[in-house]
Amino acid sequence: MKTITKTLFLLLISILSFQFTAAQPTISSKYTDTEVDGMIRAYKTSYSKDIRPSAALQQQFIKDFPKARDIEWEAAGNVYEADFEIGRTDYKAYYDQNAGLLMYVHEIRESGLPAIVKNGAEAKYPNYKFDDIKRIVKGKETFYQIEMKKEQMEIKATFRENGTFVKEILD
């Protein structure tokens, strides 16, 4: 019994320490969600180049993600993307030309998906198997993008933090 109690205690400590060490930087309020979506869409459809970030951008990034490592920077237009890791988790962060954080994305495990989001996804897509799950923080909202598979069908579905369905993309 002591072994089980000790194991549960250690598991709880590791979960809590993860919660407190997870990055939670402040998103710039300069742009609307629609403007951020447009900026990110333009970035992703442009040819981006590897860059060295400005001192101001580097300082803001370090403040936002102090535990980041293996950082790679790219830019297109006025959007700067940092691709990096915290622990074993892959992240992407998008900044504007003034070092304002537009949004960030990181992978999560299915066990990290809020129950309300998981239940919503399972109800909308019965018998689909969850594959990759990303947590997207943009503005004051958090979204979850879930890649799911069923036979030959692949879907990327996005849900709000409250479990509300937002959109789907067929792969």
N, C-alpha and C. Protein backbone atom coordinates (compact mmCIF):
# COMPACT_ATOMS: atom_id res chain seq x y z
N MET A 1 0.82 -1.19 0.00
CA MET A 1 0.00 0.00 0.00
C MET A 1 0.86 1.26 0.00
N LYS A 2 1.98 1.23 0.77
CA LYS A 2 2.87 2.38 0.82
C LYS A 2 3.46 2.68 -0.56
N THR A 3 3.79 1.62 -1.31
CA THR A 3 4.37 1.80 -2.63
C THR A 3 3.39 2.50 -3.56
N ILE A 4 2.13 2.09 -3.53
CA ILE A 4 1.10 2.72 -4.37
C ILE A 4 0.92 4.18 -3.98
N THR A 5 0.84 4.45 -2.69
CA THR A 5 0.68 5.82 -2.21
C THR A 5 1.87 6.68 -2.63
N LYS A 6 3.07 6.14 -2.47
CA LYS A 6 4.27 6.88 -2.85
C LYS A 6 4.29 7.15 -4.35
N THR A 7 3.92 6.16 -5.15
CA THR A 7 3.88 6.32 -6.60
C THR A 7 2.87 7.38 -7.00
N LEU A 8 1.68 7.34 -6.41
CA LEU A 8 0.66 8.35 -6.72
C LEU A 8 1.13 9.74 -6.31
N PHE A 9 1.78 9.85 -5.17
CA PHE A 9 2.29 11.13 -4.70
C PHE A 9 3.33 11.69 -5.68
N LEU A 10 4.26 10.85 -6.13
CA LEU A 10 5.28 11.29 -7.08
C LEU A 10 4.67 11.68 -8.41
N LEU A 11 3.66 10.95 -8.84
CA LEU A 11 2.96 11.28 -10.08
C LEU A 11 2.28 12.64 -9.96
N LEU A 12 1.62 12.87 -8.85
CA LEU A 12 0.95 14.15 -8.61
C LEU A 12 1.96 15.30 -8.60
N ILE A 13 3.08 15.11 -7.94
CA ILE A 13 4.12 16.14 -7.90
C ILE A 13 4.63 16.45 -9.30
N SER A 14 4.86 15.42 -10.11
CA SER A 14 5.37 15.66 -11.47
C SER A 14 4.34 16.39 -12.32
N ILE A 15 3.07 16.06 -12.17
CA ILE A 15 2.01 16.76 -12.91
C ILE A 15 1.94 18.21 -12.48
N LEU A 16 1.96 18.45 -11.19
CA LEU A 16 1.89 19.83 -10.69
C LEU A 16 3.12 20.63 -11.10
N SER A 17 4.28 20.03 -11.07
CA SER A 17 5.48 20.77 -11.47
C SER A 17 5.43 21.10 -12.95
N PHE A 18 4.85 20.21 -13.77
CA PHE A 18 4.69 20.51 -15.19
C PHE A 18 3.76 21.69 -15.37
N GLN A 19 2.67 21.72 -14.62
CA GLN A 19 1.72 22.82 -14.73
C GLN A 19 2.38 24.15 -14.42
N PHE A 20 3.25 24.18 -13.42
CA PHE A 20 3.86 25.44 -13.02
C PHE A 20 5.04 25.83 -13.89
N THR A 21 5.64 24.88 -14.61
CA THR A 21 6.77 25.22 -15.46
C THR A 21 6.35 25.44 -16.90
N ALA A 22 5.12 25.12 -17.27
CA ALA A 22 4.68 25.34 -18.63
C ALA A 22 4.69 26.83 -18.94
N ALA A 23 5.13 27.15 -20.15
CA ALA A 23 5.21 28.55 -20.56
C ALA A 23 3.81 29.16 -20.65
N GLN A 24 3.67 30.37 -20.13
CA GLN A 24 2.41 31.09 -20.22
C GLN A 24 2.68 32.57 -20.47
N PRO A 25 3.31 32.89 -21.61
CA PRO A 25 3.63 34.28 -21.90
C PRO A 25 2.38 35.10 -22.25
N THR A 26 2.53 36.40 -22.21
CA THR A 26 1.43 37.31 -22.52
C THR A 26 1.37 37.55 -24.02
N ILE A 27 0.17 37.37 -24.58
CA ILE A 27 -0.05 37.60 -26.00
C ILE A 27 -0.33 39.08 -26.22
N SER A 28 0.21 39.63 -27.30
CA SER A 28 -0.02 41.03 -27.64
C SER A 28 -1.51 41.27 -27.89
N SER A 29 -2.03 42.37 -27.40
CA SER A 29 -3.45 42.71 -27.63
C SER A 29 -3.58 43.75 -28.74
N LYS A 30 -2.52 43.98 -29.49
CA LYS A 30 -2.50 44.99 -30.55
C LYS A 30 -3.39 44.60 -31.73
N TYR A 31 -3.56 43.30 -31.98
CA TYR A 31 -4.27 42.82 -33.16
C TYR A 31 -5.51 42.03 -32.76
N THR A 32 -6.50 42.03 -33.66
CA THR A 32 -7.68 41.19 -33.47
C THR A 32 -7.30 39.77 -33.88
N ASP A 33 -8.14 38.80 -33.50
CA ASP A 33 -7.90 37.42 -33.91
C ASP A 33 -7.88 37.30 -35.43
N THR A 34 -8.76 38.03 -36.10
CA THR A 34 -8.83 38.00 -37.56
C THR A 34 -7.53 38.53 -38.16
N GLU A 35 -7.00 39.60 -37.60
CA GLU A 35 -5.73 40.15 -38.09
C GLU A 35 -4.58 39.16 -37.86
N VAL A 36 -4.55 38.53 -36.69
CA VAL A 36 -3.50 37.54 -36.41
C VAL A 36 -3.63 36.37 -37.39
N ASP A 37 -4.85 35.89 -37.61
CA ASP A 37 -5.05 34.80 -38.57
C ASP A 37 -4.51 35.18 -39.95
N GLY A 38 -4.80 36.40 -40.39
CA GLY A 38 -4.32 36.88 -41.69
C GLY A 38 -2.81 36.96 -41.74
N MET A 39 -2.20 37.46 -40.68
CA MET A 39 -0.74 37.57 -40.63
C MET A 39 -0.08 36.19 -40.67
N ILE A 40 -0.63 35.25 -39.91
CA ILE A 40 -0.07 33.89 -39.87
C ILE A 40 -0.27 33.21 -41.22
N ARG A 41 -1.46 33.38 -41.82
CA ARG A 41 -1.74 32.79 -43.13
C ARG A 41 -0.75 33.35 -44.17
N ALA A 42 -0.52 34.67 -44.16
CA ALA A 42 0.43 35.28 -45.09
C ALA A 42 1.84 34.74 -44.86
N TYR A 43 2.21 34.58 -43.60
CA TYR A 43 3.53 34.03 -43.27
C TYR A 43 3.68 32.62 -43.83
N LYS A 44 2.67 31.79 -43.60
CA LYS A 44 2.77 30.38 -44.00
C LYS A 44 2.74 30.19 -45.51
N THR A 45 2.19 31.15 -46.24
CA THR A 45 2.14 31.03 -47.69
C THR A 45 3.27 31.79 -48.37
N SER A 46 4.15 32.40 -47.60
CA SER A 46 5.30 33.13 -48.13
C SER A 46 6.55 32.28 -47.99
N TYR A 47 7.57 32.70 -48.68
CA TYR A 47 8.86 32.03 -48.54
C TYR A 47 9.55 32.63 -47.33
N SER A 48 9.72 31.85 -46.30
CA SER A 48 10.38 32.35 -45.09
C SER A 48 11.87 32.05 -45.16
N LYS A 49 12.64 32.91 -44.50
CA LYS A 49 14.10 32.76 -44.49
C LYS A 49 14.59 32.59 -43.06
N ASP A 50 15.66 31.82 -42.91
CA ASP A 50 16.31 31.72 -41.61
C ASP A 50 16.89 33.09 -41.27
N ILE A 51 16.75 33.48 -40.01
CA ILE A 51 17.24 34.80 -39.60
C ILE A 51 17.92 34.73 -38.24
N ARG A 52 18.60 35.81 -37.91
CA ARG A 52 19.05 36.07 -36.53
C ARG A 52 18.10 37.13 -36.02
N PRO A 53 17.41 36.87 -34.93
CA PRO A 53 16.44 37.86 -34.43
C PRO A 53 17.15 39.11 -33.90
N SER A 54 16.42 40.22 -33.91
CA SER A 54 16.95 41.46 -33.34
C SER A 54 17.15 41.26 -31.84
N ALA A 55 17.92 42.14 -31.24
CA ALA A 55 18.15 42.05 -29.79
C ALA A 55 16.84 42.18 -29.02
N ALA A 56 15.96 43.08 -29.47
CA ALA A 56 14.68 43.28 -28.79
C ALA A 56 13.82 42.02 -28.87
N LEU A 57 13.80 41.40 -30.05
CA LEU A 57 13.01 40.17 -30.23
C LEU A 57 13.60 39.04 -29.39
N GLN A 58 14.91 38.93 -29.39
CA GLN A 58 15.56 37.89 -28.59
C GLN A 58 15.27 38.07 -27.10
N GLN A 59 15.34 39.29 -26.62
CA GLN A 59 15.07 39.55 -25.20
C GLN A 59 13.63 39.22 -24.84
N GLN A 60 12.69 39.60 -25.72
CA GLN A 60 11.28 39.31 -25.44
C GLN A 60 11.03 37.81 -25.45
N PHE A 61 11.64 37.12 -26.41
CA PHE A 61 11.49 35.67 -26.50
C PHE A 61 12.00 34.99 -25.23
N ILE A 62 13.17 35.40 -24.76
CA ILE A 62 13.74 34.81 -23.54
C ILE A 62 12.84 35.08 -22.34
N LYS A 63 12.25 36.26 -22.30
CA LYS A 63 11.30 36.58 -21.23
C LYS A 63 10.05 35.70 -21.32
N ASP A 64 9.55 35.50 -22.55
CA ASP A 64 8.34 34.70 -22.75
C ASP A 64 8.57 33.21 -22.54
N PHE A 65 9.71 32.71 -22.99
CA PHE A 65 9.99 31.27 -22.95
C PHE A 65 11.39 31.03 -22.38
N PRO A 66 11.59 31.27 -21.09
CA PRO A 66 12.94 31.19 -20.50
C PRO A 66 13.58 29.80 -20.56
N LYS A 67 12.79 28.76 -20.69
CA LYS A 67 13.36 27.41 -20.69
C LYS A 67 13.51 26.84 -22.10
N ALA A 68 13.35 27.68 -23.12
CA ALA A 68 13.44 27.23 -24.51
C ALA A 68 14.86 26.81 -24.85
N ARG A 69 14.95 25.80 -25.71
CA ARG A 69 16.25 25.36 -26.22
C ARG A 69 16.09 24.92 -27.67
N ASP A 70 17.19 24.73 -28.37
CA ASP A 70 17.19 24.35 -29.79
C ASP A 70 16.31 25.30 -30.60
N ILE A 71 16.57 26.58 -30.47
CA ILE A 71 15.73 27.62 -31.08
C ILE A 71 16.19 27.88 -32.51
N GLU A 72 15.22 27.88 -33.42
CA GLU A 72 15.48 28.23 -34.82
C GLU A 72 14.50 29.33 -35.21
N TRP A 73 15.00 30.36 -35.88
CA TRP A 73 14.19 31.51 -36.27
C TRP A 73 14.03 31.57 -37.78
N GLU A 74 12.81 31.94 -38.20
CA GLU A 74 12.52 32.23 -39.60
C GLU A 74 11.65 33.47 -39.64
N ALA A 75 11.67 34.15 -40.79
CA ALA A 75 10.83 35.33 -40.95
C ALA A 75 10.33 35.42 -42.38
N ALA A 76 9.14 36.00 -42.51
CA ALA A 76 8.55 36.33 -43.81
C ALA A 76 7.65 37.53 -43.55
N GLY A 77 7.83 38.56 -44.37
CA GLY A 77 7.04 39.77 -44.14
C GLY A 77 7.36 40.34 -42.77
N ASN A 78 6.34 40.63 -42.01
CA ASN A 78 6.52 41.19 -40.66
C ASN A 78 6.26 40.17 -39.57
N VAL A 79 6.34 38.89 -39.90
CA VAL A 79 6.09 37.83 -38.92
C VAL A 79 7.37 37.02 -38.73
N TYR A 80 7.67 36.78 -37.46
CA TYR A 80 8.87 36.03 -37.07
C TYR A 80 8.43 34.78 -36.32
N GLU A 81 8.97 33.63 -36.75
CA GLU A 81 8.61 32.36 -36.13
C GLU A 81 9.81 31.78 -35.41
N ALA A 82 9.59 31.42 -34.15
CA ALA A 82 10.60 30.70 -33.38
C ALA A 82 10.11 29.26 -33.24
N ASP A 83 10.94 28.32 -33.63
CA ASP A 83 10.65 26.90 -33.51
C ASP A 83 11.61 26.39 -32.45
N PHE A 84 11.09 25.79 -31.37
CA PHE A 84 11.95 25.45 -30.24
C PHE A 84 11.34 24.33 -29.41
N GLU A 85 12.06 23.94 -28.38
CA GLU A 85 11.60 22.90 -27.45
C GLU A 85 11.68 23.42 -26.03
N ILE A 86 10.75 22.97 -25.23
CA ILE A 86 10.82 23.13 -23.78
C ILE A 86 10.65 21.73 -23.23
N GLY A 87 11.68 21.23 -22.58
CA GLY A 87 11.66 19.83 -22.17
C GLY A 87 11.64 18.97 -23.42
N ARG A 88 10.66 18.11 -23.51
CA ARG A 88 10.51 17.26 -24.69
C ARG A 88 9.35 17.71 -25.57
N THR A 89 8.86 18.91 -25.35
CA THR A 89 7.70 19.42 -26.06
C THR A 89 8.11 20.42 -27.14
N ASP A 90 7.60 20.21 -28.36
CA ASP A 90 7.86 21.12 -29.47
C ASP A 90 6.91 22.31 -29.40
N TYR A 91 7.46 23.49 -29.65
CA TYR A 91 6.70 24.74 -29.65
C TYR A 91 6.97 25.52 -30.93
N LYS A 92 6.03 26.40 -31.26
CA LYS A 92 6.22 27.44 -32.26
C LYS A 92 5.63 28.70 -31.67
N ALA A 93 6.35 29.81 -31.82
CA ALA A 93 5.84 31.10 -31.35
C ALA A 93 5.97 32.08 -32.50
N TYR A 94 4.97 32.93 -32.66
CA TYR A 94 4.94 33.90 -33.75
C TYR A 94 4.93 35.31 -33.17
N TYR A 95 5.83 36.15 -33.67
CA TYR A 95 5.98 37.52 -33.20
C TYR A 95 5.80 38.50 -34.35
N ASP A 96 5.41 39.73 -34.03
CA ASP A 96 5.38 40.79 -35.03
C ASP A 96 6.73 41.51 -35.06
N GLN A 97 6.84 42.52 -35.91
CA GLN A 97 8.12 43.23 -36.07
C GLN A 97 8.53 44.02 -34.84
N ASN A 98 7.59 44.24 -33.91
CA ASN A 98 7.90 44.97 -32.67
C ASN A 98 8.09 44.04 -31.47
N ALA A 99 8.32 42.77 -31.73
CA ALA A 99 8.53 41.75 -30.69
C ALA A 99 7.26 41.48 -29.88
N GLY A 100 6.11 41.77 -30.46
CA GLY A 100 4.84 41.43 -29.82
C GLY A 100 4.46 39.99 -30.14
N LEU A 101 4.17 39.20 -29.13
CA LEU A 101 3.81 37.79 -29.34
C LEU A 101 2.40 37.71 -29.91
N LEU A 102 2.27 37.14 -31.11
CA LEU A 102 0.97 37.00 -31.77
C LEU A 102 0.23 35.76 -31.28
N MET A 103 0.94 34.66 -31.21
CA MET A 103 0.35 33.39 -30.76
C MET A 103 1.48 32.38 -30.57
N TYR A 104 1.15 31.31 -29.86
CA TYR A 104 2.10 30.20 -29.78
C TYR A 104 1.33 28.89 -29.78
N VAL A 105 2.03 27.85 -30.20
CA VAL A 105 1.45 26.52 -30.39
C VAL A 105 2.41 25.51 -29.78
N HIS A 106 1.86 24.51 -29.09
CA HIS A 106 2.71 23.42 -28.64
C HIS A 106 1.92 22.12 -28.63
N GLU A 107 2.67 21.05 -28.78
CA GLU A 107 2.08 19.72 -28.79
C GLU A 107 1.70 19.31 -27.37
N ILE A 108 0.62 18.56 -27.26
CA ILE A 108 0.25 17.97 -25.97
C ILE A 108 -0.13 16.52 -26.19
N ARG A 109 -0.14 15.78 -25.13
CA ARG A 109 -0.60 14.40 -25.18
C ARG A 109 -2.11 14.36 -25.02
N GLU A 110 -2.69 13.26 -25.41
CA GLU A 110 -4.14 13.10 -25.25
C GLU A 110 -4.54 13.26 -23.78
N SER A 111 -3.70 12.81 -22.88
CA SER A 111 -4.01 12.93 -21.45
C SER A 111 -4.04 14.39 -20.99
N GLY A 112 -3.42 15.30 -21.74
CA GLY A 112 -3.43 16.71 -21.40
C GLY A 112 -4.59 17.48 -22.00
N LEU A 113 -5.39 16.80 -22.79
CA LEU A 113 -6.55 17.42 -23.43
C LEU A 113 -7.68 17.57 -22.41
N PRO A 114 -8.24 18.77 -22.26
CA PRO A 114 -9.35 18.91 -21.30
C PRO A 114 -10.50 17.95 -21.64
N ALA A 115 -11.11 17.39 -20.63
CA ALA A 115 -12.18 16.40 -20.82
C ALA A 115 -13.30 16.95 -21.69
N ILE A 116 -13.65 18.21 -21.51
CA ILE A 116 -14.76 18.79 -22.28
C ILE A 116 -14.42 18.85 -23.77
N VAL A 117 -13.15 19.07 -24.10
CA VAL A 117 -12.72 19.09 -25.50
C VAL A 117 -12.68 17.67 -26.04
N LYS A 118 -12.13 16.75 -25.28
CA LYS A 118 -12.06 15.35 -25.70
C LYS A 118 -13.46 14.79 -25.94
N ASN A 119 -14.37 15.06 -25.01
CA ASN A 119 -15.75 14.58 -25.16
C ASN A 119 -16.41 15.18 -26.39
N GLY A 120 -16.17 16.46 -26.65
CA GLY A 120 -16.74 17.11 -27.83
C GLY A 120 -16.21 16.50 -29.11
N ALA A 121 -14.91 16.23 -29.15
CA ALA A 121 -14.30 15.63 -30.33
C ALA A 121 -14.81 14.21 -30.55
N GLU A 122 -14.90 13.44 -29.48
CA GLU A 122 -15.38 12.06 -29.60
C GLU A 122 -16.85 12.01 -30.02
N ALA A 123 -17.64 12.98 -29.57
CA ALA A 123 -19.06 13.02 -29.96
C ALA A 123 -19.20 13.40 -31.44
N LYS A 124 -18.41 14.34 -31.89
CA LYS A 124 -18.50 14.80 -33.28
C LYS A 124 -17.86 13.80 -34.25
N TYR A 125 -16.83 13.12 -33.79
CA TYR A 125 -16.09 12.18 -34.64
C TYR A 125 -16.00 10.81 -33.98
N PRO A 126 -17.12 10.09 -33.88
CA PRO A 126 -17.08 8.77 -33.23
C PRO A 126 -16.19 7.80 -34.01
N ASN A 127 -15.50 6.97 -33.28
CA ASN A 127 -14.62 5.93 -33.82
C ASN A 127 -13.37 6.46 -34.51
N TYR A 128 -13.08 7.74 -34.37
CA TYR A 128 -11.82 8.28 -34.88
C TYR A 128 -10.76 8.12 -33.81
N LYS A 129 -9.54 7.87 -34.26
CA LYS A 129 -8.41 7.73 -33.33
C LYS A 129 -7.64 9.05 -33.31
N PHE A 130 -7.37 9.56 -32.11
CA PHE A 130 -6.60 10.79 -31.97
C PHE A 130 -5.15 10.52 -32.36
N ASP A 131 -4.58 11.47 -33.09
CA ASP A 131 -3.19 11.35 -33.50
C ASP A 131 -2.39 12.48 -32.86
N ASP A 132 -2.15 13.55 -33.56
CA ASP A 132 -1.43 14.70 -33.00
C ASP A 132 -2.41 15.70 -32.40
N ILE A 133 -2.04 16.27 -31.27
CA ILE A 133 -2.88 17.27 -30.60
C ILE A 133 -2.02 18.48 -30.30
N LYS A 134 -2.53 19.65 -30.67
CA LYS A 134 -1.81 20.90 -30.43
C LYS A 134 -2.68 21.85 -29.63
N ARG A 135 -2.05 22.55 -28.73
CA ARG A 135 -2.70 23.61 -27.95
C ARG A 135 -2.26 24.93 -28.57
N ILE A 136 -3.22 25.76 -28.95
CA ILE A 136 -2.95 27.02 -29.62
C ILE A 136 -3.44 28.15 -28.73
N VAL A 137 -2.54 29.05 -28.37
CA VAL A 137 -2.90 30.20 -27.53
C VAL A 137 -2.80 31.44 -28.41
N LYS A 138 -3.95 32.10 -28.58
CA LYS A 138 -4.03 33.27 -29.45
C LYS A 138 -4.98 34.27 -28.82
N GLY A 139 -4.52 35.49 -28.64
CA GLY A 139 -5.36 36.49 -27.98
C GLY A 139 -5.67 36.03 -26.57
N LYS A 140 -6.94 36.09 -26.22
CA LYS A 140 -7.36 35.65 -24.88
C LYS A 140 -7.95 34.25 -24.92
N GLU A 141 -7.82 33.58 -26.06
CA GLU A 141 -8.43 32.26 -26.21
C GLU A 141 -7.39 31.16 -26.36
N THR A 142 -7.80 29.98 -25.97
CA THR A 142 -7.00 28.78 -26.16
C THR A 142 -7.81 27.82 -27.00
N PHE A 143 -7.17 27.26 -28.01
CA PHE A 143 -7.81 26.31 -28.91
C PHE A 143 -7.03 25.01 -28.87
N TYR A 144 -7.69 23.94 -29.29
CA TYR A 144 -7.05 22.64 -29.41
C TYR A 144 -7.29 22.13 -30.81
N GLN A 145 -6.21 21.83 -31.52
CA GLN A 145 -6.31 21.26 -32.86
C GLN A 145 -5.97 19.77 -32.74
N ILE A 146 -6.91 18.95 -33.15
CA ILE A 146 -6.75 17.50 -32.99
C ILE A 146 -6.74 16.85 -34.37
N GLU A 147 -5.66 16.16 -34.68
CA GLU A 147 -5.60 15.36 -35.90
C GLU A 147 -6.16 13.99 -35.54
N MET A 148 -7.13 13.55 -36.35
CA MET A 148 -7.78 12.26 -36.09
C MET A 148 -7.80 11.42 -37.36
N LYS A 149 -7.80 10.11 -37.16
CA LYS A 149 -7.82 9.18 -38.28
C LYS A 149 -8.91 8.14 -38.08
N LYS A 150 -9.51 7.76 -39.20
CA LYS A 150 -10.47 6.66 -39.22
C LYS A 150 -10.37 6.04 -40.61
N GLU A 151 -9.88 4.82 -40.68
CA GLU A 151 -9.62 4.14 -41.94
C GLU A 151 -8.75 5.02 -42.82
N GLN A 152 -9.22 5.43 -44.00
CA GLN A 152 -8.43 6.27 -44.91
C GLN A 152 -8.66 7.77 -44.70
N MET A 153 -9.56 8.12 -43.79
CA MET A 153 -9.94 9.52 -43.56
C MET A 153 -9.07 10.15 -42.48
N GLU A 154 -8.54 11.34 -42.78
CA GLU A 154 -7.79 12.11 -41.80
C GLU A 154 -8.41 13.49 -41.70
N ILE A 155 -8.61 13.95 -40.47
CA ILE A 155 -9.26 15.23 -40.21
C ILE A 155 -8.45 16.00 -39.18
N LYS A 156 -8.34 17.31 -39.38
CA LYS A 156 -7.82 18.22 -38.35
C LYS A 156 -9.01 19.03 -37.89
N ALA A 157 -9.38 18.87 -36.65
CA ALA A 157 -10.52 19.60 -36.09
C ALA A 157 -10.03 20.53 -34.99
N THR A 158 -10.60 21.72 -34.96
CA THR A 158 -10.22 22.70 -33.94
C THR A 158 -11.40 22.96 -33.02
N PHE A 159 -11.11 22.98 -31.72
CA PHE A 159 -12.12 23.21 -30.68
C PHE A 159 -11.65 24.32 -29.75
N ARG A 160 -12.60 25.07 -29.24
CA ARG A 160 -12.28 26.05 -28.20
C ARG A 160 -12.04 25.31 -26.88
N GLU A 161 -11.51 26.02 -25.93
CA GLU A 161 -11.21 25.45 -24.61
C GLU A 161 -12.46 24.93 -23.91
N ASN A 162 -13.63 25.49 -24.26
CA ASN A 162 -14.89 25.06 -23.64
C ASN A 162 -15.53 23.88 -24.38
N GLY A 163 -14.84 23.34 -25.38
CA GLY A 163 -15.34 22.18 -26.11
C GLY A 163 -16.13 22.52 -27.36
N THR A 164 -16.34 23.79 -27.65
CA THR A 164 -17.09 24.21 -28.83
C THR A 164 -16.28 23.95 -30.09
N PHE A 165 -16.92 23.32 -31.06
CA PHE A 165 -16.29 23.04 -32.35
C PHE A 165 -16.08 24.35 -33.11
N VAL A 166 -14.91 24.52 -33.74
CA VAL A 166 -14.61 25.73 -34.50
C VAL A 166 -14.58 25.44 -36.00
N LYS A 167 -13.72 24.48 -36.41
CA LYS A 167 -13.61 24.17 -37.84
C LYS A 167 -12.92 22.83 -38.02
N GLU A 168 -13.00 22.34 -39.26
CA GLU A 168 -12.29 21.11 -39.60
C GLU A 168 -11.63 21.27 -40.96
N ILE A 169 -10.54 20.56 -41.12
CA ILE A 169 -9.82 20.52 -42.39
C ILE A 169 -9.62 19.05 -42.72
N LEU A 170 -10.03 18.65 -43.91
CA LEU A 170 -9.82 17.27 -44.35
C LEU A 170 -8.42 17.16 -44.92
N ASP A 171 -7.69 16.15 -44.47
CA ASP A 171 -6.33 15.92 -44.98
C ASP A 171 -6.35 14.87 -46.06
